[in-house]
Protein backbone atom coordinates (compact mmCIF):
# COMPACT_ATOMS: atom_id res chain seq x y z
CA UNK A 1 31.94 -12.75 8.89
CA UNK A 2 30.76 -9.18 8.90
CA UNK A 3 33.05 -8.51 5.92
CA UNK A 4 31.51 -11.36 3.93
CA UNK A 5 27.98 -10.15 4.68
CA UNK A 6 28.86 -6.56 3.80
CA UNK A 7 30.44 -7.81 0.58
CA UNK A 8 27.27 -9.68 -0.38
CA UNK A 9 25.12 -6.61 0.18
CA UNK A 10 27.54 -4.45 -1.80
CA UNK A 11 27.40 -6.94 -4.70
CA UNK A 12 23.60 -6.95 -4.57
CA UNK A 13 23.40 -3.15 -4.49
CA UNK A 14 25.90 -2.69 -7.32
CA UNK A 15 24.20 -5.02 -9.82
CA UNK A 16 22.82 -3.70 -13.07
CA UNK A 17 19.11 -4.20 -13.71
CA UNK A 18 18.23 -7.72 -14.95
CA UNK A 19 15.23 -9.71 -16.11
CA UNK A 20 15.15 -11.30 -12.66
CA UNK A 21 14.71 -7.86 -11.08
CA UNK A 22 11.89 -7.21 -13.55
CA UNK A 23 10.24 -10.50 -12.65
CA UNK A 24 10.36 -9.81 -8.92
CA UNK A 25 9.04 -6.28 -9.42
CA UNK A 26 6.14 -7.44 -11.61
CA UNK A 27 5.22 -10.35 -9.33
CA UNK A 28 5.03 -8.02 -6.33
CA UNK A 29 3.43 -5.19 -8.28
CA UNK A 30 0.61 -7.33 -9.66
CA UNK A 31 -0.17 -8.41 -6.11
CA UNK A 32 -0.49 -4.73 -5.20
CA UNK A 33 -2.80 -4.36 -8.23
CA UNK A 34 -5.04 -7.12 -6.88
CA UNK A 35 -5.18 -5.47 -3.47
CA UNK A 36 -6.27 -2.23 -5.12
CA UNK A 37 -8.82 -4.11 -7.23
CA UNK A 38 -10.42 -5.46 -4.08
CA UNK A 39 -10.44 -2.15 -2.21
CA UNK A 40 -11.90 -0.19 -5.09
CA UNK A 41 -14.58 -2.77 -5.86
CA UNK A 42 -16.15 -2.01 -2.52
CA UNK A 43 -15.90 1.74 -2.98
CA UNK A 44 -17.57 1.58 -6.38
CA UNK A 45 -20.58 -0.40 -5.14
CA UNK A 46 -21.11 1.08 -1.67
CA UNK A 47 -24.37 2.66 -2.80
CA UNK A 48 -25.59 -0.67 -4.21
CA UNK A 49 -24.55 -2.54 -1.06
CA UNK A 50 -26.43 -0.01 1.05
CA UNK A 51 -29.62 -0.77 -0.89
CA UNK A 52 -28.92 -4.49 -1.15
CA UNK A 53 -28.55 -4.96 2.60
CA UNK A 54 -31.14 -2.27 3.48
CA UNK A 55 -28.81 -0.33 5.78
CA UNK A 56 -28.26 3.38 6.47
CA UNK A 57 -25.46 5.48 4.95
CA UNK A 58 -23.72 5.36 8.33
CA UNK A 59 -23.85 1.55 8.37
CA UNK A 60 -22.62 1.44 4.77
CA UNK A 61 -19.69 3.65 5.75
CA UNK A 62 -18.72 1.07 8.37
CA UNK A 63 -18.09 -1.43 5.55
CA UNK A 64 -15.01 0.63 4.73
CA UNK A 65 -14.13 0.95 8.41
CA UNK A 66 -14.27 -2.81 9.00
CA UNK A 67 -12.08 -3.24 5.95
CA UNK A 68 -9.54 -0.88 7.47
CA UNK A 69 -9.70 -2.72 10.80
CA UNK A 70 -8.83 -5.93 8.97
CA UNK A 71 -5.92 -4.26 7.20
CA UNK A 72 -4.69 -2.99 10.57
CA UNK A 73 -4.76 -6.47 12.08
CA UNK A 74 -3.20 -8.12 9.03
CA UNK A 75 -0.43 -5.55 8.70
CA UNK A 76 0.71 -5.94 12.32
CA UNK A 77 0.38 -9.72 12.65
CA UNK A 78 1.74 -10.68 9.25
CA UNK A 79 4.33 -7.90 9.35
CA UNK A 80 5.87 -9.57 12.38
CA UNK A 81 5.58 -12.99 10.71
CA UNK A 82 7.39 -11.63 7.62
CA UNK A 83 10.27 -10.52 9.87
CA UNK A 84 10.21 -13.78 11.81
CA UNK A 85 9.74 -16.40 9.07
CA UNK A 86 10.70 -14.59 5.86
CA UNK A 87 9.18 -12.60 3.03
CA UNK A 88 8.75 -15.52 0.61
CA UNK A 89 6.43 -17.58 2.81
CA UNK A 90 4.19 -14.58 3.36
CA UNK A 91 3.91 -13.91 -0.39
CA UNK A 92 1.89 -17.10 -0.85
CA UNK A 93 0.08 -17.12 2.49
CA UNK A 94 -1.36 -13.63 2.05
CA UNK A 95 -2.73 -14.33 -1.42
CA UNK A 96 -4.31 -17.58 -0.26
CA UNK A 97 -6.13 -15.85 2.58
CA UNK A 98 -7.25 -13.08 0.25
CA UNK A 99 -8.52 -15.44 -2.50
CA UNK A 100 -10.57 -17.63 -0.16
CA UNK A 101 -12.16 -14.78 1.72
CA UNK A 102 -13.03 -12.65 -1.29
CA UNK A 103 -14.97 -15.60 -2.71
CA UNK A 104 -16.79 -15.92 0.62
CA UNK A 105 -17.53 -12.18 0.46
CA UNK A 106 -19.23 -12.65 -2.90
CA UNK A 107 -21.46 -15.34 -1.36
CA UNK A 108 -22.51 -13.27 1.68
CA UNK A 109 -26.27 -13.56 2.34
CA UNK A 110 -26.53 -10.49 4.59
CA UNK A 111 -24.80 -7.38 5.93
CA UNK A 112 -23.21 -9.01 8.97
CA UNK A 113 -21.71 -12.01 7.15
CA UNK A 114 -20.39 -9.64 4.49
CA UNK A 115 -18.72 -7.59 7.22
CA UNK A 116 -17.01 -10.69 8.67
CA UNK A 117 -15.68 -11.86 5.32
CA UNK A 118 -14.52 -8.37 4.36
CA UNK A 119 -12.56 -8.21 7.61
CA UNK A 120 -10.82 -11.51 6.83
CA UNK A 121 -10.14 -10.49 3.22
CA UNK A 122 -8.67 -7.24 4.50
CA UNK A 123 -6.32 -9.15 6.79
CA UNK A 124 -4.82 -10.72 3.67
CA UNK A 125 -4.50 -7.31 2.03
CA UNK A 126 -2.93 -5.80 5.17
CA UNK A 127 -0.42 -8.62 5.15
CA UNK A 128 0.45 -7.69 1.57
CA UNK A 129 1.16 -4.12 2.66
CA UNK A 130 3.88 -5.35 5.01
CA UNK A 131 5.27 -8.14 2.86
CA UNK A 132 5.48 -6.24 -0.43
CA UNK A 133 6.66 -2.93 1.01
CA UNK A 134 9.42 -4.59 3.02
CA UNK A 135 10.60 -6.93 0.27
CA UNK A 136 10.72 -4.82 -2.85
CA UNK A 137 13.56 -2.54 -1.75
CA UNK A 138 15.59 -5.44 -0.33
CA UNK A 139 16.16 -6.99 -3.76
CA UNK A 140 16.90 -3.97 -5.92
CA UNK A 141 20.16 -2.19 -6.86
CA UNK A 142 20.67 1.11 -5.04
CA UNK A 143 20.44 3.27 -8.15
CA UNK A 144 17.11 1.68 -9.16
CA UNK A 145 15.50 1.07 -5.76
CA UNK A 146 13.51 4.26 -5.36
CA UNK A 147 12.20 4.41 -8.91
CA UNK A 148 11.26 0.71 -9.02
CA UNK A 149 9.60 0.75 -5.58
CA UNK A 150 7.63 3.82 -6.63
CA UNK A 151 6.55 2.09 -9.83
CA UNK A 152 5.28 -0.89 -7.82
CA UNK A 153 3.09 1.49 -5.83
CA UNK A 154 1.58 2.68 -9.12
CA UNK A 155 0.09 -0.72 -9.77
CA UNK A 156 -2.53 0.50 -7.28
CA UNK A 157 -4.30 3.03 -9.57
CA UNK A 158 -4.10 0.48 -12.40
CA UNK A 159 -5.91 -2.02 -10.17
CA UNK A 160 -8.45 0.65 -9.26
CA UNK A 161 -9.12 1.34 -12.96
CA UNK A 162 -9.58 -2.37 -13.66
CA UNK A 163 -11.97 -2.60 -10.68
CA UNK A 164 -14.00 0.31 -12.03
CA UNK A 165 -14.20 -1.29 -15.48
CA UNK A 166 -15.13 -4.68 -14.01
CA UNK A 167 -17.87 -3.13 -11.91
CA UNK A 168 -19.13 -1.05 -14.80
CA UNK A 169 -19.29 -4.07 -17.12
CA UNK A 170 -20.96 -6.26 -14.50
CA UNK A 171 -23.49 -3.59 -13.60
CA UNK A 172 -24.37 -2.95 -17.24
CA UNK A 173 -24.43 -6.59 -18.34
CA UNK A 174 -26.49 -7.54 -15.30
CA UNK A 175 -28.43 -4.28 -15.05
CA UNK A 176 -31.59 -6.05 -13.89
CA UNK A 177 -29.71 -8.19 -11.38
CA UNK A 178 -27.61 -5.82 -9.23
CA UNK A 179 -27.55 -8.42 -6.45
CA UNK A 180 -25.66 -10.73 -8.81
CA UNK A 181 -23.45 -8.09 -10.49
CA UNK A 182 -21.45 -7.07 -7.43
CA UNK A 183 -21.00 -10.71 -6.41
CA UNK A 184 -19.53 -11.60 -9.80
CA UNK A 185 -17.17 -8.62 -9.59
CA UNK A 186 -15.87 -9.70 -6.17
CA UNK A 187 -15.33 -13.28 -7.31
CA UNK A 188 -13.11 -12.09 -10.18
CA UNK A 189 -10.41 -11.06 -7.70
CA UNK A 190 -9.88 -14.63 -6.55
CA UNK A 191 -9.11 -15.78 -10.10
CA UNK A 192 -6.36 -13.20 -10.42
CA UNK A 193 -4.93 -14.11 -7.01
CA UNK A 194 -4.40 -17.74 -8.03
CA UNK A 195 -2.40 -16.64 -11.07
CA UNK A 196 -0.25 -14.22 -9.07
CA UNK A 197 0.45 -16.88 -6.42
CA UNK A 198 1.78 -19.20 -9.13
CA UNK A 199 4.19 -16.51 -10.40
CA UNK A 200 5.33 -15.66 -6.88
CA UNK A 201 6.58 -19.18 -6.30
CA UNK A 202 9.63 -18.26 -8.37
CA UNK A 203 10.59 -15.26 -6.21
CA UNK A 204 13.62 -16.06 -4.03
CA UNK A 205 13.84 -15.16 -0.37
CA UNK A 206 15.16 -11.69 0.41
CA UNK A 207 18.95 -11.97 0.78
CA UNK A 208 18.87 -9.16 3.34
CA UNK A 209 16.36 -11.07 5.45
CA UNK A 210 18.49 -14.22 5.15
CA UNK A 211 21.57 -12.36 6.36
CA UNK A 212 19.68 -10.80 9.26
CA UNK A 213 18.83 -14.36 10.36
CA UNK A 214 22.36 -15.74 9.97
CA UNK A 215 21.65 -17.68 6.76
CA UNK A 216 24.83 -16.51 4.99
CA UNK A 217 25.14 -19.29 2.42
CA UNK A 218 21.49 -19.07 1.41
CA UNK A 219 21.89 -15.32 0.99
CA UNK A 220 25.01 -15.86 -1.11
CA UNK A 221 23.11 -18.28 -3.35
CA UNK A 222 20.39 -15.69 -3.96
CA UNK A 223 22.95 -12.96 -4.72
CA UNK A 224 24.67 -15.29 -7.18
CA UNK A 225 21.30 -16.00 -8.79
CA UNK A 226 20.96 -12.28 -9.53
CA UNK A 227 24.61 -12.03 -10.64
CA UNK A 228 24.16 -14.88 -13.10
CA UNK A 229 21.15 -13.09 -14.55
CA UNK A 230 23.30 -9.96 -14.95
CA UNK A 231 26.45 -11.66 -16.25
CA UNK A 232 26.68 -15.48 -16.54
CA UNK A 233 30.48 -15.27 -16.71
CA UNK A 234 30.77 -13.55 -13.31
CA UNK A 235 27.95 -15.16 -11.36
CA UNK A 236 30.07 -17.83 -9.65
CA UNK A 237 33.08 -15.71 -8.78
CA UNK A 238 32.72 -16.59 -5.06
CA UNK A 239 31.55 -20.20 -4.57
CA UNK A 240 28.77 -20.52 -2.02
CA UNK A 241 30.68 -23.33 -0.29
CA UNK A 242 33.44 -20.92 0.70
CA UNK A 243 31.05 -18.60 2.52
CA UNK A 244 30.85 -18.86 6.33
CA UNK A 245 28.43 -21.41 7.74
CA UNK A 246 25.10 -20.23 9.05
CA UNK A 247 25.23 -18.52 12.42
CA UNK A 248 22.64 -18.38 15.13
CA UNK A 249 20.39 -15.34 15.01
CA UNK A 250 18.32 -13.51 17.55
CA UNK A 251 14.66 -14.46 17.13
CA UNK A 252 12.84 -11.74 18.99
CA UNK A 253 9.21 -12.18 19.90
CA UNK A 254 6.45 -9.86 18.73
CA UNK A 255 6.46 -7.72 21.89
CA UNK A 256 10.27 -7.45 21.81
CA UNK A 257 10.16 -6.25 18.22
CA UNK A 258 7.63 -3.55 19.07
CA UNK A 259 9.60 -2.46 22.15
CA UNK A 260 12.78 -2.15 20.13
CA UNK A 261 11.05 -0.04 17.49
CA UNK A 262 9.58 2.28 20.12
CA UNK A 263 12.79 2.53 22.14
CA UNK A 264 15.40 2.75 19.38
CA UNK A 265 13.50 4.27 16.45
CA UNK A 266 10.69 6.40 17.92
CA UNK A 267 11.00 9.21 15.37
CA UNK A 268 10.99 6.83 12.42
CA UNK A 269 8.02 4.92 13.78
CA UNK A 270 6.18 8.20 14.37
CA UNK A 271 6.96 9.38 10.84
CA UNK A 272 5.69 6.17 9.24
CA UNK A 273 2.58 6.14 11.44
CA UNK A 274 1.64 9.79 10.82
CA UNK A 275 2.28 9.61 7.07
CA UNK A 276 0.09 6.52 6.88
CA UNK A 277 -2.62 7.98 9.11
CA UNK A 278 -2.71 11.10 6.97
CA UNK A 279 -2.94 9.31 3.62
CA UNK A 280 -5.30 6.58 4.78
CA UNK A 281 -7.77 9.07 6.28
CA UNK A 282 -7.52 11.27 3.21
CA UNK A 283 -7.75 8.50 0.62
CA UNK A 284 -10.32 6.15 2.13
CA UNK A 285 -12.31 8.93 3.73
CA UNK A 286 -12.62 10.86 0.49
CA UNK A 287 -13.65 7.84 -1.59
CA UNK A 288 -16.23 6.75 0.97
CA UNK A 289 -17.60 10.27 1.43
CA UNK A 290 -17.82 10.85 -2.33
CA UNK A 291 -19.76 7.61 -2.87
CA UNK A 292 -22.24 8.10 -0.02
CA UNK A 293 -22.81 11.86 0.02
CA UNK A 294 -21.32 13.85 -2.83
CA UNK A 295 -22.13 11.75 -5.90
CA UNK A 296 -25.82 11.25 -4.96
CA UNK A 297 -26.08 15.01 -4.37
CA UNK A 298 -24.93 15.76 -7.92
CA UNK A 299 -27.22 13.03 -9.32
CA UNK A 300 -24.67 10.48 -10.52
CA UNK A 301 -26.47 7.16 -10.87
CA UNK A 302 -25.13 4.03 -9.14
CA UNK A 303 -24.33 2.43 -12.50
CA UNK A 304 -22.16 5.43 -13.44
CA UNK A 305 -20.14 5.54 -10.19
CA UNK A 306 -17.53 3.05 -11.53
CA UNK A 307 -17.01 5.30 -14.59
CA UNK A 308 -16.54 8.30 -12.29
CA UNK A 309 -13.93 6.42 -10.26
CA UNK A 310 -12.23 5.19 -13.42
CA UNK A 311 -11.59 8.77 -14.50
CA UNK A 312 -10.46 9.62 -10.98
CA UNK A 313 -7.91 6.82 -11.14
CA UNK A 314 -6.65 7.91 -14.55
CA UNK A 315 -5.63 11.11 -12.75
CA UNK A 316 -4.28 9.00 -9.87
CA UNK A 317 -2.01 7.07 -12.22
CA UNK A 318 -0.78 10.37 -13.71
CA UNK A 319 0.01 11.61 -10.20
CA UNK A 320 1.85 8.44 -9.31
CA UNK A 321 3.93 8.47 -12.49
CA UNK A 322 4.75 12.13 -11.96
CA UNK A 323 5.97 11.16 -8.49
CA UNK A 324 8.18 8.43 -9.99
CA UNK A 325 9.94 11.02 -12.14
CA UNK A 326 10.61 13.18 -9.07
CA UNK A 327 11.39 10.52 -6.47
CA UNK A 328 15.08 9.87 -7.19
CA UNK A 329 15.87 13.13 -9.00
CA UNK A 330 14.47 15.55 -6.41
CA UNK A 331 14.69 13.20 -3.42
CA UNK A 332 12.24 11.66 -0.96
CA UNK A 333 12.00 14.71 1.29
CA UNK A 334 10.90 17.16 -1.40
CA UNK A 335 8.63 14.70 -3.22
CA UNK A 336 6.68 13.48 -0.18
CA UNK A 337 6.29 16.94 1.37
CA UNK A 338 5.20 18.55 -1.91
CA UNK A 339 2.56 15.97 -2.76
CA UNK A 340 1.04 16.02 0.74
CA UNK A 341 0.76 19.81 0.50
CA UNK A 342 -0.83 19.58 -2.95
CA UNK A 343 -3.30 16.96 -1.70
CA UNK A 344 -4.43 19.36 1.04
CA UNK A 345 -4.84 22.20 -1.48
CA UNK A 346 -6.69 20.20 -4.13
CA UNK A 347 -9.06 18.67 -1.57
CA UNK A 348 -10.20 22.20 -0.66
CA UNK A 349 -11.05 22.78 -4.35
CA UNK A 350 -13.77 20.14 -4.00
CA UNK A 351 -15.77 22.61 -1.88
CA UNK A 352 -16.61 25.11 -4.66
CA UNK A 353 -16.91 22.23 -7.15
CA UNK A 354 -19.56 20.48 -5.02
CA UNK A 355 -21.45 23.73 -4.52
CA UNK A 356 -21.97 24.05 -8.30
CA UNK A 357 -23.92 20.75 -8.29
CA UNK A 358 -22.24 20.01 -11.62
CA UNK A 359 -21.05 16.41 -12.06
CA UNK A 360 -18.32 17.63 -14.43
CA UNK A 361 -16.97 20.21 -11.99
CA UNK A 362 -16.96 17.61 -9.22
CA UNK A 363 -15.19 15.13 -11.49
CA UNK A 364 -12.53 17.70 -12.41
CA UNK A 365 -11.85 18.61 -8.78
CA UNK A 366 -11.86 14.94 -7.75
CA UNK A 367 -9.30 14.13 -10.46
CA UNK A 368 -7.00 16.88 -9.18
CA UNK A 369 -7.39 15.68 -5.58
CA UNK A 370 -6.71 12.07 -6.61
CA UNK A 371 -3.68 13.14 -8.66
CA UNK A 372 -2.04 14.69 -5.60
CA UNK A 373 -3.29 12.09 -3.10
CA UNK A 374 -1.81 9.22 -5.10
CA UNK A 375 1.47 11.05 -5.57
CA UNK A 376 1.52 11.55 -1.80
CA UNK A 377 0.90 8.03 -0.58
CA UNK A 378 2.90 6.28 -3.34
CA UNK A 379 5.93 8.37 -2.33
CA UNK A 380 5.31 7.88 1.40
CA UNK A 381 5.38 4.05 1.39
CA UNK A 382 8.82 3.61 -0.22
CA UNK A 383 10.14 6.40 2.01
CA UNK A 384 9.16 4.97 5.38
CA UNK A 385 9.84 1.41 4.20
CA UNK A 386 13.53 2.33 3.83
CA UNK A 387 14.14 3.77 7.28
CA UNK A 388 13.83 0.63 9.45
CA UNK A 389 16.52 -2.07 9.89
CA UNK A 390 15.94 -5.23 7.84
CA UNK A 391 15.10 -7.43 10.83
CA UNK A 392 12.46 -4.89 11.96
CA UNK A 393 11.36 -3.58 8.57
CA UNK A 394 8.11 -5.50 8.00
CA UNK A 395 7.10 -5.04 11.64
CA UNK A 396 7.81 -1.29 11.43
CA UNK A 397 5.76 -1.03 8.25
CA UNK A 398 2.99 -3.10 9.80
CA UNK A 399 2.79 -0.90 12.88
CA UNK A 400 2.80 2.25 10.72
CA UNK A 401 -0.03 0.89 8.57
CA UNK A 402 -1.95 -0.22 11.66
CA UNK A 403 -1.72 3.17 13.37
CA UNK A 404 -2.79 4.81 10.15
CA UNK A 405 -5.83 2.57 9.88
CA UNK A 406 -6.99 3.38 13.40
CA UNK A 407 -7.74 6.92 12.26
CA UNK A 408 -8.77 5.96 8.74
CA UNK A 409 -11.22 3.42 10.14
CA UNK A 410 -13.28 6.27 11.55
CA UNK A 411 -12.90 8.51 8.48
CA UNK A 412 -15.99 7.39 6.55
CA UNK A 413 -18.48 7.46 9.44
CA UNK A 414 -16.96 10.69 10.80
CA UNK A 415 -17.15 12.49 7.46
CA UNK A 416 -20.74 11.34 6.90
CA UNK A 417 -21.64 12.52 10.42
CA UNK A 418 -19.97 15.90 9.86
CA UNK A 419 -21.78 16.30 6.57
CA UNK A 420 -25.13 15.55 8.19
CA UNK A 421 -24.58 18.00 11.07
CA UNK A 422 -22.36 20.77 9.67
CA UNK A 423 -22.37 20.37 5.89
CA UNK A 424 -20.02 18.94 3.27
CA UNK A 425 -17.58 21.86 3.49
CA UNK A 426 -16.51 20.87 7.00
CA UNK A 427 -15.92 17.29 5.87
CA UNK A 428 -13.68 18.40 3.00
CA UNK A 429 -11.76 20.75 5.30
CA UNK A 430 -11.09 17.92 7.74
CA UNK A 431 -9.68 15.75 4.94
CA UNK A 432 -7.46 18.65 3.89
CA UNK A 433 -6.27 19.13 7.47
CA UNK A 434 -5.21 15.47 7.67
CA UNK A 435 -3.11 15.86 4.53
CA UNK A 436 -1.44 18.87 6.13
CA UNK A 437 -0.67 16.72 9.18
CA UNK A 438 1.38 14.41 6.97
CA UNK A 439 3.13 17.41 5.45
CA UNK A 440 4.02 18.68 8.93
CA UNK A 441 5.33 15.23 9.97
CA UNK A 442 7.96 15.45 7.21
CA UNK A 443 9.51 18.64 8.60
CA UNK A 444 11.65 16.99 11.34
CA UNK A 445 12.82 14.32 8.89
CA UNK A 446 13.65 16.99 6.28
CA UNK A 447 15.77 18.78 8.89
CA UNK A 448 17.51 15.85 10.60
CA UNK A 449 16.80 12.69 8.63
CA UNK A 450 18.58 11.28 5.59
CA UNK A 451 17.25 11.21 2.05
CA UNK A 452 17.35 7.60 0.85
CA UNK A 453 17.96 8.36 -2.84
CA UNK A 454 21.12 6.55 -3.96
CA UNK A 455 21.97 5.25 -0.46
CA UNK A 456 22.01 1.61 0.66
CA UNK A 457 19.32 0.51 3.11
CA UNK A 458 21.96 -0.21 5.76
CA UNK A 459 23.45 3.28 5.38
CA UNK A 460 20.04 4.92 5.84
CA UNK A 461 19.76 3.26 9.24
CA UNK A 462 23.30 4.25 10.24
CA UNK A 463 23.48 7.87 9.05
CA UNK A 464 20.54 9.60 10.74
CA UNK A 465 20.27 9.79 14.55
CA UNK A 466 18.39 6.82 15.98
CA UNK A 467 15.86 9.10 17.64
CA UNK A 468 14.84 10.66 14.29
C-alpha cells in the first residue's frame, strides 16, 4: 500500500501546471486578500476609532492586540481541526465566521463590543492562516510549489491596497459622517467573503491529507482530477477501483499533536515560531505605531492615512514580487535570511526620516521598510509551512502563528509606551531588533536544514535531522 500512496504523490508532484491548479491558487489567494483587507482596514482607521470611542492611544493600540489574540486562538484551534477533519471543510467554515463577525464589528455601538467582535473576526482570519498555508503546497507540482505559494502570499499587499482605497473613498464620500464611513468599509469585507466561499466549494480535498488519513481511493480520485485537467487522455490510467481500500488512520487528539511536534520536531517548531514572532511584531507593531504616533507627529490628517498606507503597500507588493523571483532560484534559506536582514536595516532608516518631520521623507522610509518586511514574511510562511509532516502541518503552522502573536499582541502598546517614555527612536530600534531575531533563527536551519526548492514535501521531512 505504501507503494501505491508513494506513486500517487509522485504523480501529483510531476504534473504540469493546469487550469485546476490556477483555480485552487486563486481561490485560496483571494481568501488571503480578504484577510489582509480586514487587517488593514483597522490599521487605516485607528485614529478615527480612537476619537469615535473616546479612548486613549494606549487603548486604541489594544484594538490591534485583541485582533492578534483572536488570530492566535483561531490559528491553534482551527489548525488542529484542519489536520483532524480536512482542509476543505475549514475553507468554508473560516470564511463564514469571518463574514458574520465583520458585519457585527461594523455595527458595534461602543469600544468594548467592538473589541469582542474584532476578536471573533480575528479567529476566522487566524483559521485562514492555518488552512491556506497548509493546503496550498499540498496541491501543487514540485517545480511550481514555491513560486505559487509565494504568489499566494502576495495577495496580502493587494488586499491592503484595496482596504486603503476603500477607506479613502468612504472617508471622503462620507467626510461629515466618519462614524458611518468606517462602518461601511468594514461591512464591505463580508460581501467579498460570500463570493470567495462560493468559489471555494469547487476546491477538492488535499490528496496528501486524504492519504495521511487512510483515504487512498479518495486521494486517487483527486489526483486523477488534476491529471485529467493536464491531459484528458492519461487521466484514467489507473482506475480508482483498483486502488487499495481505505485503511484505518491514527486520529490523534489536540494535546497528542502538540506533544509530537514538540518531541519530534522541536527545531522546526522553534523556527516557525520565531520567524512568525519576528515578522508579526515587526509588521503589526510598525503599522500600529505609525498610525498612533508617527503620522500625527508629521501632521498627516486622518483622511489621508489610507493614502499613506496605499503607497506603503505598493512598495510591499514590489517587495513580495521581488521575493517570488528569488524564492526558487536562490532558495528559501538565502531569500528568507536576506529579507529579514533588510527589514531590520530599513526600519532603522525610519529614525532619521521621522526626525525631519517631513511627511515625504517618512513615506519614503516607510515604503522601504514595508518592501523588505513583506519580502520577509511572504518568504517565511511558505518556508515553515513545508517543514512539517502532512498530518501535523496545519497544527504546526497554527502553533507557530500563535506563538508569534503572543509577542506581536504586545507590540503596539509596548511601542507606544516606549515612545512616550524614551522617544520614537527606541521604538524603531526595538522593531529592528525583532527582525534581526528572525534573521538569527534562520542560521541553524541554513547550516543543518534542507532547502525546500524543488524537493517534495515528504522528502523535506525525511532529509533533515528531526531535531532541526
